[in-house]
Amino acid sequence: MGVKQISKSLKASGSALGDNFYQLNVLSQKDIQDGAYENFHRKLKSINVDAIRVSQLEIFQINIGKLCNQTCSHCHVDAGPDRKEENMSLETLERCLHLIKTYNFKKVDITGGAPEMNAHFRWFVEECTKVNVEVMVRCNLTIIKANKKYHDLPEFFAANKVHVISSLPYFSASRTDAQRGDGVFEDSISALQMLNAVGYGVENSELLIDLVYNPSGAFLPGDQNQLESEFKRQLKRKYDIVFNNLFAITNLPISRFLDYLLENGKYLDYMHQLVDAFNPATLDALMCKNTISISWDGFMYDCDFNQMLDLKFTGNAKHINDFDFEEILNRKIIINNHCYGCTAGAGSSCGGEIA
């Protein structure tokens, strides 16, 4: 079954939110007169935290391109089939590989779009595997079913011991398709069964597959352990599917989710939810403290979310061609009001809860 797209990307549809500066204006509350929420900088100062600083450089996260076979309603990347030009070149990937090897990064986290649609994706995964770096791929599952040339992805992932991380909004078709497009659930279930068939998620297997849960509306995710137990029970019972872990990730108020909040008059309510749920215990484990995020054109960011707002590194080292390990290790993290999303409740990162 083919996937029916929900809409065009914000950029292709001409939305004002396709402009990073417009999003930052919304986040900075410049046009809000009533009901304003506390600025994230001031929130940190109220608990005597001057800045968020890097702890180590461990994870090299690469957004290999914004081209995707889906146009999900919550996508913070604003990825889609119409983002064909924003794909990482072989030259940029070679530079990334050089940095990974030179500075002994422990993990490479490949994301997109659908990263598998980049022409150099398989080469890059294989080169990383050769130097014994753990490779994580953010696979949307439906790409495996999208075209015959992707049908062997489960075997390719298994051969390279790729850690697969995949979004599945829910264990029912209605909620999943509402967020990601008609037909997504059916194709996702089929892809998960294909991954199980080659050993992913199976007991005593080294092949790891984790699922990602994002709330379908303007609310925070529930308890991660409870969600994982329910997903495992339902997917096993209904489809004989197994997986390793479930990550509950808070929707950040940027890009398409910000568009949803504004269109439905829920922006301020959602931001107040995040502010009220601010948890200082999350600060030590934020993903920006041990991860650098690389855009398709080689610029460097504190996290994938800052990348989408074009909030580049502080200092002189802003592009991988100007990589300066000591400067990057000792930098301050650039923060803005969207950071409430990672610090609310149990916290949120690319690996789910953090506190």
Protein backbone atom coordinates (compact mmCIF):
# COMPACT_ATOMS: atom_id res chain seq x y z
CA MET A 1 0.00 0.00 0.00
CA GLY A 2 1.35 3.42 -0.91
CA VAL A 3 1.63 6.23 1.61
CA LYS A 4 -0.64 9.21 1.01
CA GLN A 5 1.06 12.44 1.99
CA ILE A 6 -0.62 14.78 4.47
CA SER A 7 0.59 17.99 2.84
CA LYS A 8 3.54 19.76 1.27
CA SER A 9 6.47 20.91 3.38
CA LEU A 10 6.17 24.36 4.95
CA LYS A 11 8.88 25.60 2.61
CA ALA A 12 7.12 24.32 -0.53
CA SER A 13 3.72 25.66 0.56
CA GLY A 14 5.14 29.16 1.11
CA SER A 15 4.31 29.22 4.83
CA ALA A 16 5.88 31.99 6.89
CA LEU A 17 7.10 29.24 9.25
CA GLY A 18 9.35 28.01 6.46
CA ASP A 19 11.56 30.94 7.52
CA ASN A 20 13.75 30.23 10.58
CA PHE A 21 13.69 33.89 11.62
CA TYR A 22 9.90 33.88 11.73
CA GLN A 23 9.95 30.82 13.98
CA LEU A 24 12.46 32.48 16.28
CA ASN A 25 10.27 35.58 16.44
CA VAL A 26 7.36 33.43 17.59
CA LEU A 27 9.53 31.67 20.18
CA SER A 28 10.88 34.99 21.47
CA GLN A 29 7.27 36.16 22.11
CA LYS A 30 7.77 39.43 20.23
CA ASP A 31 4.13 39.54 19.16
CA ILE A 32 2.61 38.21 22.38
CA GLN A 33 0.97 40.78 24.65
CA ASP A 34 -0.96 38.61 27.09
CA GLY A 35 -0.21 35.25 28.62
CA ALA A 36 3.53 35.38 28.04
CA TYR A 37 5.64 32.64 29.61
CA GLU A 38 8.99 32.89 31.39
CA ASN A 39 12.00 33.13 29.12
CA PHE A 40 14.21 30.00 29.26
CA HIS A 41 17.33 32.08 29.99
CA ARG A 42 15.61 33.60 33.03
CA LYS A 43 14.37 30.19 34.13
CA LEU A 44 17.95 28.92 34.23
CA LYS A 45 19.15 31.96 36.13
CA SER A 46 16.38 31.45 38.70
CA ILE A 47 18.03 28.14 39.62
CA ASN A 48 21.55 29.65 39.51
CA VAL A 49 22.53 28.11 36.19
CA ASP A 50 24.46 30.60 34.09
CA ALA A 51 24.79 28.45 30.96
CA ILE A 52 24.61 24.91 29.62
CA ARG A 53 28.04 23.63 28.70
CA VAL A 54 29.40 20.64 26.81
CA SER A 55 30.51 17.66 28.90
CA GLN A 56 32.16 15.56 26.16
CA LEU A 57 32.12 14.98 22.40
CA GLU A 58 30.75 11.47 21.96
CA ILE A 59 27.94 11.38 19.39
CA PHE A 60 28.35 12.66 15.82
CA GLN A 61 24.81 13.24 14.53
CA ILE A 62 24.38 13.91 10.82
CA ASN A 63 21.27 15.11 9.08
CA ILE A 64 22.14 13.59 5.74
CA GLY A 65 19.31 15.37 3.93
CA LYS A 66 15.73 16.61 4.10
CA LEU A 67 14.45 14.44 1.25
CA CYS A 68 11.83 12.01 2.55
CA ASN A 69 9.11 9.74 1.21
CA GLN A 70 6.72 11.13 3.86
CA THR A 71 5.43 14.52 5.00
CA CYS A 72 4.57 13.91 8.66
CA SER A 73 2.45 16.50 10.46
CA HIS A 74 4.79 16.74 13.47
CA CYS A 75 8.12 16.76 11.58
CA HIS A 76 10.56 19.29 13.07
CA VAL A 77 12.82 18.93 10.01
CA ASP A 78 10.04 19.93 7.58
CA ALA A 79 11.21 17.01 5.44
CA GLY A 80 9.33 15.67 2.44
CA PRO A 81 9.46 14.50 -1.18
CA ASP A 82 9.84 18.12 -2.33
CA ARG A 83 13.14 18.68 -0.44
CA LYS A 84 15.31 17.18 -3.20
CA GLU A 85 18.05 19.80 -3.22
CA GLU A 86 19.01 19.55 0.46
CA ASN A 87 21.05 16.36 0.43
CA MET A 88 24.58 15.86 1.76
CA SER A 89 27.29 15.52 -0.89
CA LEU A 90 29.94 12.81 -1.00
CA GLU A 91 32.60 15.43 -0.29
CA THR A 92 30.82 16.52 2.90
CA LEU A 93 30.31 12.91 4.00
CA GLU A 94 34.02 12.22 3.43
CA ARG A 95 34.89 15.19 5.64
CA CYS A 96 32.50 13.90 8.32
CA LEU A 97 34.12 10.45 8.14
CA HIS A 98 37.56 12.02 8.56
CA LEU A 99 36.42 13.88 11.70
CA ILE A 100 34.75 10.78 13.15
CA LYS A 101 37.97 8.79 12.76
CA THR A 102 40.34 11.57 13.80
CA TYR A 103 38.53 12.48 17.04
CA ASN A 104 37.33 8.98 17.98
CA PHE A 105 33.61 9.64 18.16
CA LYS A 106 31.87 6.64 19.73
CA LYS A 107 28.58 6.82 17.84
CA VAL A 108 27.33 8.11 14.51
CA ASP A 109 23.64 9.01 14.47
CA ILE A 110 22.34 9.30 10.89
CA THR A 111 19.06 11.08 10.42
CA GLY A 112 17.04 12.91 7.76
CA GLY A 113 14.48 13.11 6.06
CA ALA A 114 14.73 9.50 5.11
CA PRO A 115 18.53 9.14 5.25
CA GLU A 116 18.38 6.03 3.06
CA MET A 117 17.34 8.23 0.11
CA ASN A 118 20.75 9.90 0.01
CA ALA A 119 22.77 8.37 -2.84
CA HIS A 120 25.83 7.92 -0.61
CA PHE A 121 24.04 6.51 2.44
CA ARG A 122 25.13 2.90 2.11
CA TRP A 123 28.73 3.81 1.36
CA PHE A 124 28.88 5.99 4.45
CA VAL A 125 27.37 3.32 6.73
CA GLU A 126 29.86 0.74 5.46
CA GLU A 127 32.81 3.10 5.95
CA CYS A 128 31.74 3.82 9.54
CA THR A 129 31.33 0.10 10.20
CA LYS A 130 34.89 -0.53 8.98
CA VAL A 131 36.29 1.65 11.78
CA ASN A 132 34.09 0.00 14.45
CA VAL A 133 31.92 3.03 15.14
CA GLU A 134 28.40 2.30 16.39
CA VAL A 135 26.01 3.41 13.66
CA MET A 136 22.46 4.48 14.48
CA VAL A 137 19.99 5.15 11.67
CA ARG A 138 16.69 6.99 12.14
CA CYS A 139 14.59 4.90 9.75
CA ASN A 140 10.96 5.88 9.19
CA LEU A 141 10.11 2.21 8.37
CA THR A 142 7.93 3.02 5.35
CA ILE A 143 11.03 3.70 3.24
CA ILE A 144 11.67 -0.07 3.31
CA LYS A 145 8.37 -0.58 1.49
CA ALA A 146 8.47 2.55 -0.66
CA ASN A 147 10.43 1.15 -3.59
CA LYS A 148 12.03 -2.16 -4.59
CA LYS A 149 15.50 -0.65 -4.27
CA TYR A 150 14.92 -0.27 -0.51
CA HIS A 151 13.42 -3.73 0.12
CA ASP A 152 16.83 -5.13 1.11
CA LEU A 153 17.45 -2.49 3.78
CA PRO A 154 16.79 -4.95 6.65
CA GLU A 155 19.55 -7.22 5.32
CA PHE A 156 21.86 -4.24 4.77
CA PHE A 157 21.24 -2.97 8.29
CA ALA A 158 21.85 -6.43 9.75
CA ALA A 159 25.09 -6.96 7.79
CA ASN A 160 26.46 -3.70 9.20
CA LYS A 161 24.96 -4.18 12.69
CA VAL A 162 23.15 -0.85 12.39
CA HIS A 163 21.16 0.23 15.43
CA VAL A 164 17.75 1.04 13.93
CA ILE A 165 15.59 3.72 15.56
CA SER A 166 12.12 4.16 14.10
CA SER A 167 9.10 6.34 14.74
CA LEU A 168 5.78 4.63 15.42
CA PRO A 169 3.26 7.08 16.88
CA TYR A 170 0.95 4.34 18.13
CA PHE A 171 0.01 0.69 17.83
CA SER A 172 -3.16 1.50 15.89
CA ALA A 173 -3.64 2.57 12.29
CA SER A 174 -5.94 5.51 12.99
CA ARG A 175 -3.59 7.43 15.30
CA THR A 176 -0.47 6.59 13.32
CA ASP A 177 -1.91 7.55 9.93
CA ALA A 178 -3.40 10.76 11.34
CA GLN A 179 0.10 11.93 12.24
CA ARG A 180 2.11 10.48 9.37
CA GLY A 181 -0.19 9.86 6.41
CA ASP A 182 -2.66 7.23 5.17
CA GLY A 183 -1.05 3.83 4.76
CA VAL A 184 1.90 4.52 7.05
CA PHE A 185 0.80 2.11 9.77
CA GLU A 186 0.31 -0.83 7.40
CA ASP A 187 3.72 -0.28 5.76
CA SER A 188 5.38 0.27 9.15
CA ILE A 189 4.04 -3.02 10.50
CA SER A 190 5.23 -4.86 7.39
CA ALA A 191 8.69 -3.25 7.67
CA LEU A 192 8.95 -4.17 11.36
CA GLN A 193 8.12 -7.77 10.51
CA MET A 194 10.86 -7.74 7.86
CA LEU A 195 13.34 -6.39 10.42
CA ASN A 196 12.30 -9.05 12.95
CA ALA A 197 12.80 -11.71 10.26
CA VAL A 198 16.52 -10.86 9.97
CA GLY A 199 16.96 -10.80 13.75
CA TYR A 200 16.16 -7.26 14.86
CA GLY A 201 14.63 -7.05 18.32
CA VAL A 202 14.80 -10.80 18.77
CA GLU A 203 15.92 -12.16 22.15
CA ASN A 204 19.69 -12.79 22.37
CA SER A 205 20.27 -10.94 19.09
CA GLU A 206 22.86 -8.16 18.81
CA LEU A 207 20.62 -6.36 16.33
CA LEU A 208 18.81 -3.51 18.09
CA ILE A 209 15.62 -1.81 17.00
CA ASP A 210 14.07 0.91 19.17
CA LEU A 211 10.79 2.68 18.55
CA VAL A 212 10.08 6.38 19.05
CA TYR A 213 6.75 7.66 20.37
CA ASN A 214 5.68 11.29 19.86
CA PRO A 215 2.37 12.54 21.31
CA SER A 216 -0.24 13.15 18.62
CA GLY A 217 -1.39 16.46 20.11
CA ALA A 218 -0.47 19.40 22.33
CA PHE A 219 0.42 17.40 25.42
CA LEU A 220 3.47 15.81 27.02
CA PRO A 221 4.25 12.11 26.57
CA GLY A 222 3.19 9.68 29.29
CA ASP A 223 5.51 7.51 31.36
CA GLN A 224 8.06 5.91 29.05
CA ASN A 225 8.18 2.55 30.84
CA GLN A 226 4.41 2.19 30.82
CA LEU A 227 4.22 3.16 27.15
CA GLU A 228 6.94 0.64 26.29
CA SER A 229 5.16 -2.17 28.10
CA GLU A 230 1.87 -1.41 26.33
CA PHE A 231 3.50 -1.10 22.89
CA LYS A 232 5.31 -4.41 23.39
CA ARG A 233 2.16 -6.18 24.53
CA GLN A 234 -0.04 -4.83 21.74
CA LEU A 235 2.45 -5.28 18.87
CA LYS A 236 3.29 -8.83 19.96
CA ARG A 237 -0.36 -9.79 20.41
CA LYS A 238 -1.65 -8.26 17.21
CA TYR A 239 1.27 -8.60 14.79
CA ASP A 240 3.87 -10.86 16.45
CA ILE A 241 6.32 -7.96 16.43
CA VAL A 242 9.13 -7.52 18.97
CA PHE A 243 11.48 -4.60 19.61
CA ASN A 244 14.05 -3.54 22.20
CA ASN A 245 13.17 -0.16 23.70
CA LEU A 246 10.63 2.60 23.27
CA PHE A 247 11.72 6.24 23.48
CA ALA A 248 9.11 8.83 24.46
CA ILE A 249 10.04 12.17 22.90
CA THR A 250 8.36 15.51 23.56
CA ASN A 251 7.25 17.46 20.50
CA LEU A 252 9.25 20.68 20.35
CA PRO A 253 7.44 23.88 19.32
CA ILE A 254 9.24 24.32 16.01
CA SER A 255 8.51 23.78 12.32
CA ARG A 256 5.37 21.72 11.52
CA PHE A 257 4.43 21.14 15.14
CA LEU A 258 4.67 24.88 15.75
CA ASP A 259 2.44 25.35 12.70
CA TYR A 260 -0.08 22.92 14.23
CA LEU A 261 -0.02 24.79 17.56
CA LEU A 262 -0.54 28.18 15.96
CA GLU A 263 -3.24 26.98 13.54
CA ASN A 264 -5.21 25.46 16.41
CA GLY A 265 -4.70 28.28 18.92
CA LYS A 266 -2.75 26.01 21.26
CA TYR A 267 0.69 27.61 21.22
CA LEU A 268 0.53 29.48 24.53
CA ASP A 269 -1.22 26.65 26.35
CA TYR A 270 1.43 24.20 25.18
CA MET A 271 4.30 26.50 26.13
CA HIS A 272 2.80 27.00 29.59
CA GLN A 273 2.61 23.21 29.93
CA LEU A 274 6.31 22.95 29.11
CA VAL A 275 7.29 25.79 31.44
CA ASP A 276 5.22 24.39 34.32
CA ALA A 277 6.82 20.97 33.83
CA PHE A 278 10.41 22.33 33.73
CA ASN A 279 12.66 19.88 35.59
CA PRO A 280 16.20 20.99 36.62
CA ALA A 281 17.17 17.32 37.02
CA THR A 282 17.19 16.99 33.22
CA LEU A 283 19.97 19.53 32.66
CA ASP A 284 22.92 17.21 33.28
CA ALA A 285 21.78 14.65 30.69
CA LEU A 286 20.72 16.88 27.79
CA MET A 287 21.78 15.50 24.40
CA CYS A 288 23.48 18.79 23.48
CA LYS A 289 26.09 18.12 26.17
CA ASN A 290 27.67 15.17 24.34
CA THR A 291 26.37 15.45 20.76
CA ILE A 292 27.16 17.66 17.79
CA SER A 293 24.64 17.96 14.98
CA ILE A 294 25.77 18.39 11.37
CA SER A 295 23.46 19.77 8.68
CA TRP A 296 23.33 18.48 5.10
CA ASP A 297 25.59 21.35 4.00
CA GLY A 298 28.19 20.81 6.74
CA PHE A 299 27.31 23.45 9.34
CA MET A 300 27.51 22.51 13.03
CA TYR A 301 24.84 22.87 15.71
CA ASP A 302 24.29 21.98 19.36
CA CYS A 303 21.36 19.72 18.51
CA ASP A 304 19.01 18.73 15.70
CA PHE A 305 16.45 21.28 16.90
CA ASN A 306 18.91 24.18 16.88
CA GLN A 307 19.87 23.04 13.40
CA MET A 308 16.31 23.47 12.19
CA LEU A 309 16.25 26.99 13.63
CA ASP A 310 19.68 27.70 12.09
CA LEU A 311 21.22 28.49 15.49
CA LYS A 312 24.82 27.64 14.64
CA PHE A 313 27.68 27.04 17.09
CA THR A 314 29.08 29.97 18.98
CA GLY A 315 32.71 30.86 18.19
CA ASN A 316 34.62 30.60 14.92
CA ALA A 317 34.11 26.89 14.27
CA LYS A 318 30.70 26.88 12.58
CA HIS A 319 31.38 24.51 9.67
CA ILE A 320 33.05 21.10 9.55
CA ASN A 321 35.79 22.58 7.37
CA ASP A 322 36.74 24.79 10.35
CA PHE A 323 36.46 22.02 12.97
CA ASP A 324 38.33 22.95 16.18
CA PHE A 325 38.03 20.22 18.79
CA GLU A 326 39.02 22.31 21.81
CA GLU A 327 36.80 25.25 20.89
CA ILE A 328 33.83 22.96 20.27
CA LEU A 329 34.42 21.04 23.51
CA ASN A 330 34.55 24.25 25.57
CA ARG A 331 31.64 26.11 24.00
CA LYS A 332 28.40 27.27 25.58
CA ILE A 333 25.20 25.75 24.24
CA ILE A 334 22.91 28.18 22.40
CA ILE A 335 19.53 28.13 24.12
CA ASN A 336 16.09 29.53 23.33
CA ASN A 337 12.54 28.94 24.51
CA HIS A 338 12.19 25.71 22.50
CA CYS A 339 14.66 24.19 25.02
CA TYR A 340 11.73 23.81 27.41
CA GLY A 341 10.77 20.81 25.29
CA CYS A 342 13.88 18.87 26.31
CA THR A 343 13.68 19.88 29.98
CA ALA A 344 9.99 19.27 30.74
CA GLY A 345 8.89 16.41 32.94
CA ALA A 346 11.21 13.41 32.60
CA GLY A 347 13.08 15.26 29.87
CA SER A 348 13.48 14.42 26.23
CA SER A 349 16.36 13.57 23.94
CA CYS A 350 17.01 11.50 20.83
CA GLY A 351 17.10 8.58 23.28
CA GLY A 352 13.86 9.39 25.08
CA GLU A 353 13.53 10.26 28.78
CA ILE A 354 16.64 11.55 30.55
CA ALA A 355 15.56 12.00 34.18
